[in-house]
Amino acid sequence: MKAVKVPALELFLHEMIPLAKAMGVGVEVSDDRALVLTAPKEQNKNSLNTAFGGSLVSLATLAGYGVVWELMRGETKAEKPVWHIVVKESRAAYRRPVIGDLRAICERPAQAAIAEFKEALARYGKAKLKLRAAIVENGNVAVDVHAAFVVSR
């Protein structure tokens, strides 16, 4: 049997955010362009047999959180401070029901936004990063989430 490598982010989410494990959250893609998280509909359905709205917004929020977590994990300083990541504000727009499995895509911020974020973090020990994540099914945006994440020491 071939060993399967589980991404560090997926392990972190399952260990530190119990909801992620209960939802069956998995990392589909994590590259320079975006982070894509998935979750099976069976564990996240409502009484209408579509994806539960709370699960949809949670998965999108976790995708944004994951982008910030990976950004902070990439810090390579000798004395690495302990960072705390929280959601400061969030707004969701539900556009259509999700019939199948859940898939959230959070595009990585532009290099200029990352540089501004890291500069504020270095200067003040606290910084905010605004991200957009979308739940996408069959190429259509079903839920659009805009959230601001705050990182502090």
C-alpha atoms as a PDB file:
ATOM      1  CA  MET A   1       0.000   0.000   0.000  1.00  0.00           C
ATOM      2  CA  LYS A   2       1.355   3.425  -0.983  1.00  0.00           C
ATOM      3  CA  ALA A   3       1.743   6.019   1.786  1.00  0.00           C
ATOM      4  CA  VAL A   4      -0.299   9.180   1.256  1.00  0.00           C
ATOM      5  CA  LYS A   5       1.240  12.493   2.275  1.00  0.00           C
ATOM      6  CA  VAL A   6      -1.249  14.680   4.135  1.00  0.00           C
ATOM      7  CA  PRO A   7      -0.487  18.407   3.796  1.00  0.00           C
ATOM      8  CA  ALA A   8       0.628  20.179   6.981  1.00  0.00           C
ATOM      9  CA  LEU A   9      -2.305  22.583   6.689  1.00  0.00           C
ATOM     10  CA  GLU A  10      -4.828  19.740   6.633  1.00  0.00           C
ATOM     11  CA  LEU A  11      -3.261  18.176   9.739  1.00  0.00           C
ATOM     12  CA  PHE A  12      -3.266  21.551  11.490  1.00  0.00           C
ATOM     13  CA  LEU A  13      -6.921  22.216  10.653  1.00  0.00           C
ATOM     14  CA  HIS A  14      -8.024  18.765  11.840  1.00  0.00           C
ATOM     15  CA  GLU A  15      -6.060  19.015  15.096  1.00  0.00           C
ATOM     16  CA  MET A  16      -6.666  22.647  16.023  1.00  0.00           C
ATOM     17  CA  ILE A  17     -10.121  23.337  14.561  1.00  0.00           C
ATOM     18  CA  PRO A  18     -12.373  20.364  15.401  1.00  0.00           C
ATOM     19  CA  LEU A  19     -15.092  21.590  13.036  1.00  0.00           C
ATOM     20  CA  ALA A  20     -12.724  21.070  10.078  1.00  0.00           C
ATOM     21  CA  LYS A  21     -12.282  17.405  10.984  1.00  0.00           C
ATOM     22  CA  ALA A  22     -16.011  16.918  11.552  1.00  0.00           C
ATOM     23  CA  MET A  23     -16.714  18.469   8.141  1.00  0.00           C
ATOM     24  CA  GLY A  24     -14.149  16.190   6.455  1.00  0.00           C
ATOM     25  CA  VAL A  25     -12.102  19.136   5.148  1.00  0.00           C
ATOM     26  CA  GLY A  26      -9.281  18.211   2.798  1.00  0.00           C
ATOM     27  CA  VAL A  27      -6.650  20.187   0.893  1.00  0.00           C
ATOM     28  CA  GLU A  28      -7.055  19.671  -2.858  1.00  0.00           C
ATOM     29  CA  VAL A  29      -4.536  22.249  -4.069  1.00  0.00           C
ATOM     30  CA  SER A  30      -2.087  24.598  -2.421  1.00  0.00           C
ATOM     31  CA  ASP A  31       0.104  26.419  -4.904  1.00  0.00           C
ATOM     32  CA  ASP A  32       1.336  29.928  -5.718  1.00  0.00           C
ATOM     33  CA  ARG A  33      -2.046  30.946  -7.120  1.00  0.00           C
ATOM     34  CA  ALA A  34      -4.640  29.578  -4.693  1.00  0.00           C
ATOM     35  CA  LEU A  35      -5.651  27.295  -1.880  1.00  0.00           C
ATOM     36  CA  VAL A  36      -8.499  24.885  -2.620  1.00  0.00           C
ATOM     37  CA  LEU A  37     -10.278  23.055   0.200  1.00  0.00           C
ATOM     38  CA  THR A  38     -12.917  20.371  -0.193  1.00  0.00           C
ATOM     39  CA  ALA A  39     -15.494  18.661   2.007  1.00  0.00           C
ATOM     40  CA  PRO A  40     -17.968  15.877   1.236  1.00  0.00           C
ATOM     41  CA  LYS A  41     -21.611  16.879   0.944  1.00  0.00           C
ATOM     42  CA  GLU A  42     -22.717  13.839   2.934  1.00  0.00           C
ATOM     43  CA  GLN A  43     -21.167  15.286   6.117  1.00  0.00           C
ATOM     44  CA  ASN A  44     -22.394  18.810   5.333  1.00  0.00           C
ATOM     45  CA  LYS A  45     -25.928  18.488   3.987  1.00  0.00           C
ATOM     46  CA  ASN A  46     -29.151  20.103   5.125  1.00  0.00           C
ATOM     47  CA  SER A  47     -32.752  18.869   5.209  1.00  0.00           C
ATOM     48  CA  LEU A  48     -33.132  19.703   1.489  1.00  0.00           C
ATOM     49  CA  ASN A  49     -30.190  17.421   0.589  1.00  0.00           C
ATOM     50  CA  THR A  50     -28.080  20.383  -0.531  1.00  0.00           C
ATOM     51  CA  ALA A  51     -24.980  21.717   1.209  1.00  0.00           C
ATOM     52  CA  PHE A  52     -25.713  23.369   4.576  1.00  0.00           C
ATOM     53  CA  GLY A  53     -25.138  27.145   4.457  1.00  0.00           C
ATOM     54  CA  GLY A  54     -23.079  27.096   7.658  1.00  0.00           C
ATOM     55  CA  SER A  55     -20.755  24.499   6.161  1.00  0.00           C
ATOM     56  CA  LEU A  56     -20.364  26.549   2.986  1.00  0.00           C
ATOM     57  CA  VAL A  57     -19.336  29.729   4.788  1.00  0.00           C
ATOM     58  CA  SER A  58     -17.165  27.714   7.197  1.00  0.00           C
ATOM     59  CA  LEU A  59     -15.253  26.049   4.358  1.00  0.00           C
ATOM     60  CA  ALA A  60     -14.711  29.386   2.613  1.00  0.00           C
ATOM     61  CA  THR A  61     -13.537  30.944   5.896  1.00  0.00           C
ATOM     62  CA  LEU A  62     -11.171  28.016   6.477  1.00  0.00           C
ATOM     63  CA  ALA A  63      -9.734  28.542   2.989  1.00  0.00           C
ATOM     64  CA  GLY A  64      -8.956  32.183   3.817  1.00  0.00           C
ATOM     65  CA  TYR A  65      -7.577  31.176   7.207  1.00  0.00           C
ATOM     66  CA  GLY A  66      -5.417  28.573   5.470  1.00  0.00           C
ATOM     67  CA  VAL A  67      -3.939  31.162   3.100  1.00  0.00           C
ATOM     68  CA  VAL A  68      -2.947  33.318   6.079  1.00  0.00           C
ATOM     69  CA  TRP A  69      -1.646  30.295   8.020  1.00  0.00           C
ATOM     70  CA  GLU A  70       0.551  29.234   5.096  1.00  0.00           C
ATOM     71  CA  LEU A  71       1.785  32.805   4.696  1.00  0.00           C
ATOM     72  CA  MET A  72       2.799  32.929   8.366  1.00  0.00           C
ATOM     73  CA  ARG A  73       4.233  29.403   8.288  1.00  0.00           C
ATOM     74  CA  GLY A  74       6.574  30.596   5.547  1.00  0.00           C
ATOM     75  CA  GLU A  75       8.263  33.071   7.887  1.00  0.00           C
ATOM     76  CA  THR A  76      11.888  31.963   8.325  1.00  0.00           C
ATOM     77  CA  LYS A  77      13.267  33.948  11.222  1.00  0.00           C
ATOM     78  CA  ALA A  78      15.667  32.550  13.819  1.00  0.00           C
ATOM     79  CA  GLU A  79      13.344  33.360  16.702  1.00  0.00           C
ATOM     80  CA  LYS A  80       9.936  32.618  15.319  1.00  0.00           C
ATOM     81  CA  PRO A  81       7.193  34.393  17.273  1.00  0.00           C
ATOM     82  CA  VAL A  82       3.904  32.719  18.005  1.00  0.00           C
ATOM     83  CA  TRP A  83       1.243  34.251  15.796  1.00  0.00           C
ATOM     84  CA  HIS A  84      -2.489  34.295  16.408  1.00  0.00           C
ATOM     85  CA  ILE A  85      -4.852  34.396  13.437  1.00  0.00           C
ATOM     86  CA  VAL A  86      -8.467  35.489  13.869  1.00  0.00           C
ATOM     87  CA  VAL A  87     -11.315  36.502  11.600  1.00  0.00           C
ATOM     88  CA  LYS A  88     -12.109  40.167  12.209  1.00  0.00           C
ATOM     89  CA  GLU A  89     -15.054  40.481   9.832  1.00  0.00           C
ATOM     90  CA  SER A  90     -16.775  38.406   7.201  1.00  0.00           C
ATOM     91  CA  ARG A  91     -19.540  38.863   4.643  1.00  0.00           C
ATOM     92  CA  ALA A  92     -21.125  36.061   2.640  1.00  0.00           C
ATOM     93  CA  ALA A  93     -23.404  36.191  -0.385  1.00  0.00           C
ATOM     94  CA  TYR A  94     -25.278  32.968  -1.176  1.00  0.00           C
ATOM     95  CA  ARG A  95     -25.962  32.866  -4.907  1.00  0.00           C
ATOM     96  CA  ARG A  96     -27.165  29.292  -5.552  1.00  0.00           C
ATOM     97  CA  PRO A  97     -27.498  25.974  -3.733  1.00  0.00           C
ATOM     98  CA  VAL A  98     -24.645  23.472  -3.823  1.00  0.00           C
ATOM     99  CA  ILE A  99     -25.839  20.041  -4.907  1.00  0.00           C
ATOM    100  CA  GLY A 100     -22.586  18.062  -4.717  1.00  0.00           C
ATOM    101  CA  ASP A 101     -19.404  18.047  -2.659  1.00  0.00           C
ATOM    102  CA  LEU A 102     -18.134  21.380  -1.341  1.00  0.00           C
ATOM    103  CA  ARG A 103     -15.130  23.126  -2.894  1.00  0.00           C
ATOM    104  CA  ALA A 104     -13.717  26.450  -1.670  1.00  0.00           C
ATOM    105  CA  ILE A 105     -11.142  28.466  -3.581  1.00  0.00           C
ATOM    106  CA  CYS A 106      -9.175  31.310  -2.009  1.00  0.00           C
ATOM    107  CA  GLU A 107      -6.807  33.088  -4.349  1.00  0.00           C
ATOM    108  CA  ARG A 108      -3.531  34.211  -2.839  1.00  0.00           C
ATOM    109  CA  PRO A 109      -3.154  37.983  -2.432  1.00  0.00           C
ATOM    110  CA  ALA A 110      -0.953  40.028  -4.754  1.00  0.00           C
ATOM    111  CA  GLN A 111       2.703  40.413  -3.783  1.00  0.00           C
ATOM    112  CA  ALA A 112       2.150  44.113  -3.018  1.00  0.00           C
ATOM    113  CA  ALA A 113      -0.611  43.261  -0.516  1.00  0.00           C
ATOM    114  CA  ILE A 114       1.594  40.611   1.097  1.00  0.00           C
ATOM    115  CA  ALA A 115       4.485  43.069   1.389  1.00  0.00           C
ATOM    116  CA  GLU A 116       2.210  45.709   2.969  1.00  0.00           C
ATOM    117  CA  PHE A 117       0.799  43.100   5.369  1.00  0.00           C
ATOM    118  CA  LYS A 118       4.256  41.878   6.433  1.00  0.00           C
ATOM    119  CA  GLU A 119       5.531  45.432   6.851  1.00  0.00           C
ATOM    120  CA  ALA A 120       2.637  46.295   9.183  1.00  0.00           C
ATOM    121  CA  LEU A 121       3.203  43.048  11.074  1.00  0.00           C
ATOM    122  CA  ALA A 122       6.894  43.800  11.549  1.00  0.00           C
ATOM    123  CA  ARG A 123       6.219  47.397  12.587  1.00  0.00           C
ATOM    124  CA  TYR A 124       3.169  46.986  14.829  1.00  0.00           C
ATOM    125  CA  GLY A 125       3.099  43.287  15.723  1.00  0.00           C
ATOM    126  CA  LYS A 126      -0.385  43.169  14.220  1.00  0.00           C
ATOM    127  CA  ALA A 127      -1.745  43.331  10.679  1.00  0.00           C
ATOM    128  CA  LYS A 128      -4.947  42.784   8.704  1.00  0.00           C
ATOM    129  CA  LEU A 129      -5.299  40.959   5.397  1.00  0.00           C
ATOM    130  CA  LYS A 130      -8.519  41.044   3.348  1.00  0.00           C
ATOM    131  CA  LEU A 131      -9.258  37.958   1.259  1.00  0.00           C
ATOM    132  CA  ARG A 132     -12.008  36.625  -0.993  1.00  0.00           C
ATOM    133  CA  ALA A 133     -12.964  32.970  -1.060  1.00  0.00           C
ATOM    134  CA  ALA A 134     -15.632  31.367  -3.188  1.00  0.00           C
ATOM    135  CA  ILE A 135     -17.541  28.122  -3.081  1.00  0.00           C
ATOM    136  CA  VAL A 136     -17.573  26.947  -6.676  1.00  0.00           C
ATOM    137  CA  GLU A 137     -19.616  24.164  -8.256  1.00  0.00           C
ATOM    138  CA  ASN A 138     -19.433  23.289 -11.956  1.00  0.00           C
ATOM    139  CA  GLY A 139     -17.586  26.532 -12.684  1.00  0.00           C
ATOM    140  CA  ASN A 140     -20.252  28.689 -11.019  1.00  0.00           C
ATOM    141  CA  VAL A 141     -19.807  30.702  -7.837  1.00  0.00           C
ATOM    142  CA  ALA A 142     -22.373  29.474  -5.330  1.00  0.00           C
ATOM    143  CA  VAL A 143     -21.155  31.461  -2.315  1.00  0.00           C
ATOM    144  CA  ASP A 144     -18.902  34.506  -2.265  1.00  0.00           C
ATOM    145  CA  VAL A 145     -17.142  35.295   1.027  1.00  0.00           C
ATOM    146  CA  HIS A 146     -15.120  38.434   1.772  1.00  0.00           C
ATOM    147  CA  ALA A 147     -13.235  38.279   5.052  1.00  0.00           C
ATOM    148  CA  ALA A 148     -10.576  40.205   6.941  1.00  0.00           C
ATOM    149  CA  PHE A 149      -8.084  38.206   8.974  1.00  0.00           C
ATOM    150  CA  VAL A 150      -5.958  39.746  11.711  1.00  0.00           C
ATOM    151  CA  VAL A 151      -2.605  38.332  12.710  1.00  0.00           C
ATOM    152  CA  SER A 152      -1.010  39.370  15.995  1.00  0.00           C
ATOM    153  CA  ARG A 153       1.670  38.213  18.417  1.00  0.00           C
END
